[in-house]
Amino acid sequence: MKTAFDICLENKKILLFPQGKNLAGEEMRTAIEALYVGTGKLERELYVYLYAAMEMRANADYRTLFSEESARLIVKRAEEFLKKGREILEGSGEN
């Protein structure tokens, strides 16, 4: 069974845009920086750690190996980021 999306693709009403995933990621990165880092709700350090962790995870897809120490540090920073994210979402992360 074809979806409406498939039919639109076939009829050239919409086109695939392979770079869209990268663009969406960059837009998200820009939004987080502007809305949370730029307003002081999120420390720049946590923001930097988030994107370093994302890059490490992406690199792992290509069999890049990381030390256990690096992995533990990334997990610790991720936990800090999640804690801060929860505070922001609950409204208690204001400075």
PDB file of N, CA and C in Angstrom:
ATOM      1  N   MET A   1       0.835  -1.174   0.000  1.00  0.00           N
ATOM      2  CA  MET A   1       0.000   0.000   0.000  1.00  0.00           C
ATOM      3  C   MET A   1       0.882   1.241   0.000  1.00  0.00           C
ATOM      4  N   LYS A   2       0.680   2.116  -0.928  1.00  0.00           N
ATOM      5  CA  LYS A   2       1.473   3.334  -1.035  1.00  0.00           C
ATOM      6  C   LYS A   2       0.936   4.397  -0.082  1.00  0.00           C
ATOM      7  N   THR A   3       1.877   5.124   0.462  1.00  0.00           N
ATOM      8  CA  THR A   3       1.486   6.232   1.330  1.00  0.00           C
ATOM      9  C   THR A   3       1.344   7.498   0.487  1.00  0.00           C
ATOM     10  N   ALA A   4       0.731   8.506   1.054  1.00  0.00           N
ATOM     11  CA  ALA A   4       0.598   9.793   0.369  1.00  0.00           C
ATOM     12  C   ALA A   4       1.976  10.347   0.032  1.00  0.00           C
ATOM     13  N   PHE A   5       2.930  10.118   0.922  1.00  0.00           N
ATOM     14  CA  PHE A   5       4.298  10.569   0.688  1.00  0.00           C
ATOM     15  C   PHE A   5       4.874   9.917  -0.561  1.00  0.00           C
ATOM     16  N   ASP A   6       4.709   8.592  -0.686  1.00  0.00           N
ATOM     17  CA  ASP A   6       5.212   7.870  -1.861  1.00  0.00           C
ATOM     18  C   ASP A   6       4.575   8.385  -3.146  1.00  0.00           C
ATOM     19  N   ILE A   7       3.292   8.630  -3.112  1.00  0.00           N
ATOM     20  CA  ILE A   7       2.574   9.121  -4.306  1.00  0.00           C
ATOM     21  C   ILE A   7       3.088  10.502  -4.696  1.00  0.00           C
ATOM     22  N   CYS A   8       3.308  11.361  -3.715  1.00  0.00           N
ATOM     23  CA  CYS A   8       3.837  12.692  -4.006  1.00  0.00           C
ATOM     24  C   CYS A   8       5.239  12.608  -4.598  1.00  0.00           C
ATOM     25  N   LEU A   9       6.046  11.687  -4.104  1.00  0.00           N
ATOM     26  CA  LEU A   9       7.388  11.489  -4.677  1.00  0.00           C
ATOM     27  C   LEU A   9       7.291  11.053  -6.131  1.00  0.00           C
ATOM     28  N   GLU A  10       6.431  10.086  -6.399  1.00  0.00           N
ATOM     29  CA  GLU A  10       6.271   9.578  -7.760  1.00  0.00           C
ATOM     30  C   GLU A  10       5.791  10.668  -8.709  1.00  0.00           C
ATOM     31  N   ASN A  11       4.892  11.516  -8.239  1.00  0.00           N
ATOM     32  CA  ASN A  11       4.331  12.576  -9.079  1.00  0.00           C
ATOM     33  C   ASN A  11       5.197  13.833  -9.100  1.00  0.00           C
ATOM     34  N   LYS A  12       6.365  13.755  -8.478  1.00  0.00           N
ATOM     35  CA  LYS A  12       7.318  14.871  -8.426  1.00  0.00           C
ATOM     36  C   LYS A  12       6.728  16.120  -7.775  1.00  0.00           C
ATOM     37  N   LYS A  13       5.766  15.921  -6.881  1.00  0.00           N
ATOM     38  CA  LYS A  13       5.223  17.053  -6.129  1.00  0.00           C
ATOM     39  C   LYS A  13       6.162  17.434  -4.995  1.00  0.00           C
ATOM     40  N   ILE A  14       6.944  16.464  -4.541  1.00  0.00           N
ATOM     41  CA  ILE A  14       8.018  16.715  -3.587  1.00  0.00           C
ATOM     42  C   ILE A  14       9.253  15.995  -4.092  1.00  0.00           C
ATOM     43  N   LEU A  15      10.404  16.515  -3.718  1.00  0.00           N
ATOM     44  CA  LEU A  15      11.673  15.929  -4.135  1.00  0.00           C
ATOM     45  C   LEU A  15      12.481  15.546  -2.909  1.00  0.00           C
ATOM     46  N   LEU A  16      13.265  14.508  -3.049  1.00  0.00           N
ATOM     47  CA  LEU A  16      14.163  14.120  -1.976  1.00  0.00           C
ATOM     48  C   LEU A  16      15.289  15.142  -1.883  1.00  0.00           C
ATOM     49  N   PHE A  17      15.716  15.426  -0.694  1.00  0.00           N
ATOM     50  CA  PHE A  17      16.808  16.359  -0.452  1.00  0.00           C
ATOM     51  C   PHE A  17      17.763  15.698   0.532  1.00  0.00           C
ATOM     52  N   PRO A  18      18.735  14.927   0.014  1.00  0.00           N
ATOM     53  CA  PRO A  18      19.610  14.137   0.882  1.00  0.00           C
ATOM     54  C   PRO A  18      20.351  14.959   1.940  1.00  0.00           C
ATOM     55  N   GLN A  19      20.635  16.218   1.660  1.00  0.00           N
ATOM     56  CA  GLN A  19      21.352  17.049   2.623  1.00  0.00           C
ATOM     57  C   GLN A  19      20.443  17.520   3.747  1.00  0.00           C
ATOM     58  N   GLY A  20      19.162  17.197   3.671  1.00  0.00           N
ATOM     59  CA  GLY A  20      18.197  17.659   4.659  1.00  0.00           C
ATOM     60  C   GLY A  20      18.525  17.257   6.075  1.00  0.00           C
ATOM     61  N   LYS A  21      19.021  16.033   6.271  1.00  0.00           N
ATOM     62  CA  LYS A  21      19.351  15.595   7.630  1.00  0.00           C
ATOM     63  C   LYS A  21      20.445  16.458   8.239  1.00  0.00           C
ATOM     64  N   ASN A  22      21.474  16.768   7.454  1.00  0.00           N
ATOM     65  CA  ASN A  22      22.541  17.641   7.961  1.00  0.00           C
ATOM     66  C   ASN A  22      22.011  19.032   8.243  1.00  0.00           C
ATOM     67  N   LEU A  23      21.187  19.519   7.351  1.00  0.00           N
ATOM     68  CA  LEU A  23      20.627  20.849   7.528  1.00  0.00           C
ATOM     69  C   LEU A  23      19.780  20.899   8.791  1.00  0.00           C
ATOM     70  N   ALA A  24      18.951  19.901   8.979  1.00  0.00           N
ATOM     71  CA  ALA A  24      18.110  19.860  10.179  1.00  0.00           C
ATOM     72  C   ALA A  24      18.973  19.808  11.436  1.00  0.00           C
ATOM     73  N   GLY A  25      20.041  19.051  11.407  1.00  0.00           N
ATOM     74  CA  GLY A  25      20.937  18.981  12.557  1.00  0.00           C
ATOM     75  C   GLY A  25      21.603  20.310  12.850  1.00  0.00           C
ATOM     76  N   GLU A  26      22.049  20.988  11.809  1.00  0.00           N
ATOM     77  CA  GLU A  26      22.679  22.292  11.989  1.00  0.00           C
ATOM     78  C   GLU A  26      21.675  23.320  12.481  1.00  0.00           C
ATOM     79  N   GLU A  27      20.455  23.263  11.973  1.00  0.00           N
ATOM     80  CA  GLU A  27      19.431  24.189  12.455  1.00  0.00           C
ATOM     81  C   GLU A  27      19.138  23.939  13.927  1.00  0.00           C
ATOM     82  N   MET A  28      19.093  22.672  14.330  1.00  0.00           N
ATOM     83  CA  MET A  28      18.855  22.338  15.730  1.00  0.00           C
ATOM     84  C   MET A  28      20.002  22.848  16.590  1.00  0.00           C
ATOM     85  N   ARG A  29      21.197  22.665  16.117  1.00  0.00           N
ATOM     86  CA  ARG A  29      22.372  23.134  16.849  1.00  0.00           C
ATOM     87  C   ARG A  29      22.318  24.649  17.026  1.00  0.00           C
ATOM     88  N   THR A  30      21.962  25.357  15.964  1.00  0.00           N
ATOM     89  CA  THR A  30      21.851  26.810  16.021  1.00  0.00           C
ATOM     90  C   THR A  30      20.744  27.239  16.987  1.00  0.00           C
ATOM     91  N   ALA A  31      19.626  26.532  16.944  1.00  0.00           N
ATOM     92  CA  ALA A  31      18.500  26.865  17.829  1.00  0.00           C
ATOM     93  C   ALA A  31      18.867  26.647  19.290  1.00  0.00           C
ATOM     94  N   ILE A  32      19.500  25.521  19.605  1.00  0.00           N
ATOM     95  CA  ILE A  32      19.900  25.252  20.992  1.00  0.00           C
ATOM     96  C   ILE A  32      20.870  26.325  21.469  1.00  0.00           C
ATOM     97  N   GLU A  33      21.800  26.664  20.610  1.00  0.00           N
ATOM     98  CA  GLU A  33      22.775  27.685  21.001  1.00  0.00           C
ATOM     99  C   GLU A  33      22.091  29.032  21.244  1.00  0.00           C
ATOM    100  N   ALA A  34      21.206  29.423  20.358  1.00  0.00           N
ATOM    101  CA  ALA A  34      20.540  30.722  20.499  1.00  0.00           C
ATOM    102  C   ALA A  34      19.563  30.761  21.665  1.00  0.00           C
ATOM    103  N   LEU A  35      18.745  29.728  21.805  1.00  0.00           N
ATOM    104  CA  LEU A  35      17.682  29.746  22.802  1.00  0.00           C
ATOM    105  C   LEU A  35      18.140  29.389  24.211  1.00  0.00           C
ATOM    106  N   TYR A  36      19.153  28.562  24.321  1.00  0.00           N
ATOM    107  CA  TYR A  36      19.538  28.090  25.643  1.00  0.00           C
ATOM    108  C   TYR A  36      20.925  28.557  26.068  1.00  0.00           C
ATOM    109  N   VAL A  37      21.907  28.429  25.198  1.00  0.00           N
ATOM    110  CA  VAL A  37      23.250  28.867  25.553  1.00  0.00           C
ATOM    111  C   VAL A  37      23.301  30.394  25.557  1.00  0.00           C
ATOM    112  N   GLY A  38      22.762  30.993  24.507  1.00  0.00           N
ATOM    113  CA  GLY A  38      22.790  32.446  24.382  1.00  0.00           C
ATOM    114  C   GLY A  38      22.027  33.175  25.466  1.00  0.00           C
ATOM    115  N   THR A  39      21.038  32.521  26.056  1.00  0.00           N
ATOM    116  CA  THR A  39      20.252  33.146  27.128  1.00  0.00           C
ATOM    117  C   THR A  39      20.760  32.765  28.516  1.00  0.00           C
ATOM    118  N   GLY A  40      21.788  31.934  28.565  1.00  0.00           N
ATOM    119  CA  GLY A  40      22.364  31.545  29.846  1.00  0.00           C
ATOM    120  C   GLY A  40      21.649  30.401  30.543  1.00  0.00           C
ATOM    121  N   LYS A  41      20.661  29.802  29.892  1.00  0.00           N
ATOM    122  CA  LYS A  41      19.939  28.692  30.510  1.00  0.00           C
ATOM    123  C   LYS A  41      20.745  27.396  30.467  1.00  0.00           C
ATOM    124  N   LEU A  42      21.658  27.291  29.512  1.00  0.00           N
ATOM    125  CA  LEU A  42      22.488  26.097  29.358  1.00  0.00           C
ATOM    126  C   LEU A  42      23.943  26.538  29.256  1.00  0.00           C
ATOM    127  N   GLU A  43      24.790  25.934  30.066  1.00  0.00           N
ATOM    128  CA  GLU A  43      26.209  26.283  30.040  1.00  0.00           C
ATOM    129  C   GLU A  43      26.819  25.859  28.704  1.00  0.00           C
ATOM    130  N   ARG A  44      27.676  26.718  28.177  1.00  0.00           N
ATOM    131  CA  ARG A  44      28.337  26.422  26.898  1.00  0.00           C
ATOM    132  C   ARG A  44      29.083  25.097  26.981  1.00  0.00           C
ATOM    133  N   GLU A  45      29.683  24.812  28.119  1.00  0.00           N
ATOM    134  CA  GLU A  45      30.448  23.568  28.290  1.00  0.00           C
ATOM    135  C   GLU A  45      29.573  22.338  28.024  1.00  0.00           C
ATOM    136  N   LEU A  46      28.350  22.329  28.559  1.00  0.00           N
ATOM    137  CA  LEU A  46      27.457  21.185  28.326  1.00  0.00           C
ATOM    138  C   LEU A  46      27.066  21.098  26.857  1.00  0.00           C
ATOM    139  N   TYR A  47      26.854  22.243  26.247  1.00  0.00           N
ATOM    140  CA  TYR A  47      26.523  22.297  24.821  1.00  0.00           C
ATOM    141  C   TYR A  47      27.657  21.694  23.987  1.00  0.00           C
ATOM    142  N   VAL A  48      28.880  22.071  24.297  1.00  0.00           N
ATOM    143  CA  VAL A  48      30.054  21.554  23.572  1.00  0.00           C
ATOM    144  C   VAL A  48      30.176  20.048  23.781  1.00  0.00           C
ATOM    145  N   TYR A  49      29.965  19.584  25.020  1.00  0.00           N
ATOM    146  CA  TYR A  49      30.042  18.150  25.296  1.00  0.00           C
ATOM    147  C   TYR A  49      28.982  17.377  24.525  1.00  0.00           C
ATOM    148  N   LEU A  50      27.795  17.939  24.417  1.00  0.00           N
ATOM    149  CA  LEU A  50      26.718  17.277  23.674  1.00  0.00           C
ATOM    150  C   LEU A  50      27.147  17.009  22.238  1.00  0.00           C
ATOM    151  N   TYR A  51      27.675  18.005  21.580  1.00  0.00           N
ATOM    152  CA  TYR A  51      28.056  17.827  20.184  1.00  0.00           C
ATOM    153  C   TYR A  51      29.322  16.990  20.018  1.00  0.00           C
ATOM    154  N   ALA A  52      30.207  17.025  20.995  1.00  0.00           N
ATOM    155  CA  ALA A  52      31.374  16.127  20.950  1.00  0.00           C
ATOM    156  C   ALA A  52      30.911  14.684  21.060  1.00  0.00           C
ATOM    157  N   ALA A  53      29.955  14.439  21.941  1.00  0.00           N
ATOM    158  CA  ALA A  53      29.422  13.077  22.098  1.00  0.00           C
ATOM    159  C   ALA A  53      28.720  12.618  20.825  1.00  0.00           C
ATOM    160  N   MET A  54      27.981  13.523  20.198  1.00  0.00           N
ATOM    161  CA  MET A  54      27.296  13.160  18.955  1.00  0.00           C
ATOM    162  C   MET A  54      28.304  12.813  17.863  1.00  0.00           C
ATOM    163  N   GLU A  55      29.391  13.554  17.804  1.00  0.00           N
ATOM    164  CA  GLU A  55      30.421  13.263  16.811  1.00  0.00           C
ATOM    165  C   GLU A  55      31.105  11.927  17.099  1.00  0.00           C
ATOM    166  N   MET A  56      31.381  11.658  18.364  1.00  0.00           N
ATOM    167  CA  MET A  56      31.987  10.369  18.722  1.00  0.00           C
ATOM    168  C   MET A  56      31.074   9.214  18.335  1.00  0.00           C
ATOM    169  N   ARG A  57      29.778   9.372  18.613  1.00  0.00           N
ATOM    170  CA  ARG A  57      28.821   8.327  18.270  1.00  0.00           C
ATOM    171  C   ARG A  57      28.770   8.115  16.765  1.00  0.00           C
ATOM    172  N   ALA A  58      28.769   9.190  16.012  1.00  0.00           N
ATOM    173  CA  ALA A  58      28.750   9.070  14.554  1.00  0.00           C
ATOM    174  C   ALA A  58      30.035   8.406  14.055  1.00  0.00           C
ATOM    175  N   ASN A  59      31.164   8.775  14.630  1.00  0.00           N
ATOM    176  CA  ASN A  59      32.437   8.175  14.221  1.00  0.00           C
ATOM    177  C   ASN A  59      32.503   6.687  14.564  1.00  0.00           C
ATOM    178  N   ALA A  60      31.809   6.295  15.606  1.00  0.00           N
ATOM    179  CA  ALA A  60      31.794   4.877  15.987  1.00  0.00           C
ATOM    180  C   ALA A  60      31.157   4.019  14.895  1.00  0.00           C
ATOM    181  N   ASP A  61      30.287   4.624  14.089  1.00  0.00           N
ATOM    182  CA  ASP A  61      29.685   3.897  12.973  1.00  0.00           C
ATOM    183  C   ASP A  61      30.740   3.435  11.972  1.00  0.00           C
ATOM    184  N   TYR A  62      31.865   4.126  11.951  1.00  0.00           N
ATOM    185  CA  TYR A  62      32.926   3.807  10.996  1.00  0.00           C
ATOM    186  C   TYR A  62      34.085   3.099  11.684  1.00  0.00           C
ATOM    187  N   ARG A  63      33.770   2.427  12.783  1.00  0.00           N
ATOM    188  CA  ARG A  63      34.705   1.564  13.511  1.00  0.00           C
ATOM    189  C   ARG A  63      35.847   2.310  14.178  1.00  0.00           C
ATOM    190  N   THR A  64      35.616   3.575  14.479  1.00  0.00           N
ATOM    191  CA  THR A  64      36.580   4.293  15.286  1.00  0.00           C
ATOM    192  C   THR A  64      36.445   3.777  16.709  1.00  0.00           C
ATOM    193  N   LEU A  65      37.558   3.494  17.342  1.00  0.00           N
ATOM    194  CA  LEU A  65      37.526   2.957  18.702  1.00  0.00           C
ATOM    195  C   LEU A  65      37.818   4.062  19.713  1.00  0.00           C
ATOM    196  N   PHE A  66      37.156   3.981  20.847  1.00  0.00           N
ATOM    197  CA  PHE A  66      37.356   4.950  21.905  1.00  0.00           C
ATOM    198  C   PHE A  66      37.694   4.199  23.186  1.00  0.00           C
ATOM    199  N   SER A  67      38.422   4.860  24.051  1.00  0.00           N
ATOM    200  CA  SER A  67      38.798   4.221  25.317  1.00  0.00           C
ATOM    201  C   SER A  67      37.589   4.149  26.246  1.00  0.00           C
ATOM    202  N   GLU A  68      37.688   3.241  27.206  1.00  0.00           N
ATOM    203  CA  GLU A  68      36.628   3.128  28.205  1.00  0.00           C
ATOM    204  C   GLU A  68      36.520   4.430  28.991  1.00  0.00           C
ATOM    205  N   GLU A  69      37.652   5.056  29.250  1.00  0.00           N
ATOM    206  CA  GLU A  69      37.661   6.326  29.986  1.00  0.00           C
ATOM    207  C   GLU A  69      36.896   7.409  29.212  1.00  0.00           C
ATOM    208  N   SER A  70      37.134   7.486  27.911  1.00  0.00           N
ATOM    209  CA  SER A  70      36.411   8.459  27.081  1.00  0.00           C
ATOM    210  C   SER A  70      34.914   8.189  27.092  1.00  0.00           C
ATOM    211  N   ALA A  71      34.560   6.927  26.989  1.00  0.00           N
ATOM    212  CA  ALA A  71      33.144   6.558  26.991  1.00  0.00           C
ATOM    213  C   ALA A  71      32.491   6.920  28.321  1.00  0.00           C
ATOM    214  N   ARG A  72      33.179   6.656  29.419  1.00  0.00           N
ATOM    215  CA  ARG A  72      32.627   6.988  30.746  1.00  0.00           C
ATOM    216  C   ARG A  72      32.455   8.500  30.902  1.00  0.00           C
ATOM    217  N   LEU A  73      33.415   9.265  30.408  1.00  0.00           N
ATOM    218  CA  LEU A  73      33.321  10.721  30.487  1.00  0.00           C
ATOM    219  C   LEU A  73      32.129  11.230  29.691  1.00  0.00           C
ATOM    220  N   ILE A  74      31.940  10.680  28.504  1.00  0.00           N
ATOM    221  CA  ILE A  74      30.813  11.102  27.669  1.00  0.00           C
ATOM    222  C   ILE A  74      29.487  10.762  28.348  1.00  0.00           C
ATOM    223  N   VAL A  75      29.402   9.592  28.953  1.00  0.00           N
ATOM    224  CA  VAL A  75      28.169   9.208  29.655  1.00  0.00           C
ATOM    225  C   VAL A  75      27.920  10.161  30.821  1.00  0.00           C
ATOM    226  N   LYS A  76      28.961  10.489  31.566  1.00  0.00           N
ATOM    227  CA  LYS A  76      28.815  11.421  32.696  1.00  0.00           C
ATOM    228  C   LYS A  76      28.320  12.771  32.203  1.00  0.00           C
ATOM    229  N   ARG A  77      28.909  13.280  31.135  1.00  0.00           N
ATOM    230  CA  ARG A  77      28.500  14.579  30.586  1.00  0.00           C
ATOM    231  C   ARG A  77      27.073  14.514  30.043  1.00  0.00           C
ATOM    232  N   ALA A  78      26.706  13.391  29.456  1.00  0.00           N
ATOM    233  CA  ALA A  78      25.339  13.224  28.953  1.00  0.00           C
ATOM    234  C   ALA A  78      24.340  13.272  30.106  1.00  0.00           C
ATOM    235  N   GLU A  79      24.699  12.644  31.215  1.00  0.00           N
ATOM    236  CA  GLU A  79      23.826  12.681  32.386  1.00  0.00           C
ATOM    237  C   GLU A  79      23.661  14.106  32.894  1.00  0.00           C
ATOM    238  N   GLU A  80      24.749  14.885  32.899  1.00  0.00           N
ATOM    239  CA  GLU A  80      24.676  16.290  33.298  1.00  0.00           C
ATOM    240  C   GLU A  80      23.781  17.075  32.348  1.00  0.00           C
ATOM    241  N   PHE A  81      23.940  16.814  31.056  1.00  0.00           N
ATOM    242  CA  PHE A  81      23.137  17.509  30.052  1.00  0.00           C
ATOM    243  C   PHE A  81      21.651  17.178  30.238  1.00  0.00           C
ATOM    244  N   LEU A  82      21.337  15.907  30.454  1.00  0.00           N
ATOM    245  CA  LEU A  82      19.945  15.503  30.657  1.00  0.00           C
ATOM    246  C   LEU A  82      19.356  16.128  31.912  1.00  0.00           C
ATOM    247  N   LYS A  83      20.145  16.179  32.970  1.00  0.00           N
ATOM    248  CA  LYS A  83      19.678  16.795  34.208  1.00  0.00           C
ATOM    249  C   LYS A  83      19.338  18.262  33.957  1.00  0.00           C
ATOM    250  N   LYS A  84      20.226  18.954  33.287  1.00  0.00           N
ATOM    251  CA  LYS A  84      19.996  20.373  32.994  1.00  0.00           C
ATOM    252  C   LYS A  84      18.804  20.535  32.063  1.00  0.00           C
ATOM    253  N   GLY A  85      18.682  19.656  31.090  1.00  0.00           N
ATOM    254  CA  GLY A  85      17.540  19.700  30.176  1.00  0.00           C
ATOM    255  C   GLY A  85      16.222  19.545  30.914  1.00  0.00           C
ATOM    256  N   ARG A  86      16.192  18.619  31.862  1.00  0.00           N
ATOM    257  CA  ARG A  86      14.972  18.433  32.672  1.00  0.00           C
ATOM    258  C   ARG A  86      14.652  19.696  33.460  1.00  0.00           C
ATOM    259  N   GLU A  87      15.689  20.311  34.034  1.00  0.00           N
ATOM    260  CA  GLU A  87      15.483  21.549  34.796  1.00  0.00           C
ATOM    261  C   GLU A  87      14.909  22.643  33.907  1.00  0.00           C
ATOM    262  N   ILE A  88      15.441  22.775  32.705  1.00  0.00           N
ATOM    263  CA  ILE A  88      14.953  23.793  31.776  1.00  0.00           C
ATOM    264  C   ILE A  88      13.489  23.516  31.425  1.00  0.00           C
ATOM    265  N   LEU A  89      13.201  22.272  31.108  1.00  0.00           N
ATOM    266  CA  LEU A  89      11.830  21.928  30.712  1.00  0.00           C
ATOM    267  C   LEU A  89      10.838  22.099  31.859  1.00  0.00           C
ATOM    268  N   GLU A  90      11.299  21.891  33.075  1.00  0.00           N
ATOM    269  CA  GLU A  90      10.426  22.057  34.238  1.00  0.00           C
ATOM    270  C   GLU A  90      10.361  23.500  34.702  1.00  0.00           C
ATOM    271  N   GLY A  91      11.146  24.376  34.057  1.00  0.00           N
ATOM    272  CA  GLY A  91      11.099  25.782  34.403  1.00  0.00           C
ATOM    273  C   GLY A  91      12.005  26.189  35.550  1.00  0.00           C
ATOM    274  N   SER A  92      12.836  25.278  36.043  1.00  0.00           N
ATOM    275  CA  SER A  92      13.704  25.622  37.173  1.00  0.00           C
ATOM    276  C   SER A  92      15.137  25.880  36.732  1.00  0.00           C
ATOM    277  N   GLY A  93      15.392  25.926  35.433  1.00  0.00           N
ATOM    278  CA  GLY A  93      16.755  26.123  34.943  1.00  0.00           C
ATOM    279  C   GLY A  93      17.084  27.561  34.658  1.00  0.00           C
ATOM    280  N   GLU A  94      16.309  28.480  35.162  1.00  0.00           N
ATOM    281  CA  GLU A  94      16.563  29.894  34.887  1.00  0.00           C
ATOM    282  C   GLU A  94      17.642  30.414  35.795  1.00  0.00           C
ATOM    283  N   ASN A  95      18.483  31.282  35.221  1.00  0.00           N
ATOM    284  CA  ASN A  95      19.581  31.872  35.995  1.00  0.00           C
ATOM    285  C   ASN A  95      19.197  33.219  36.520  1.00  0.00           C
TER     286      ASN A  95
END
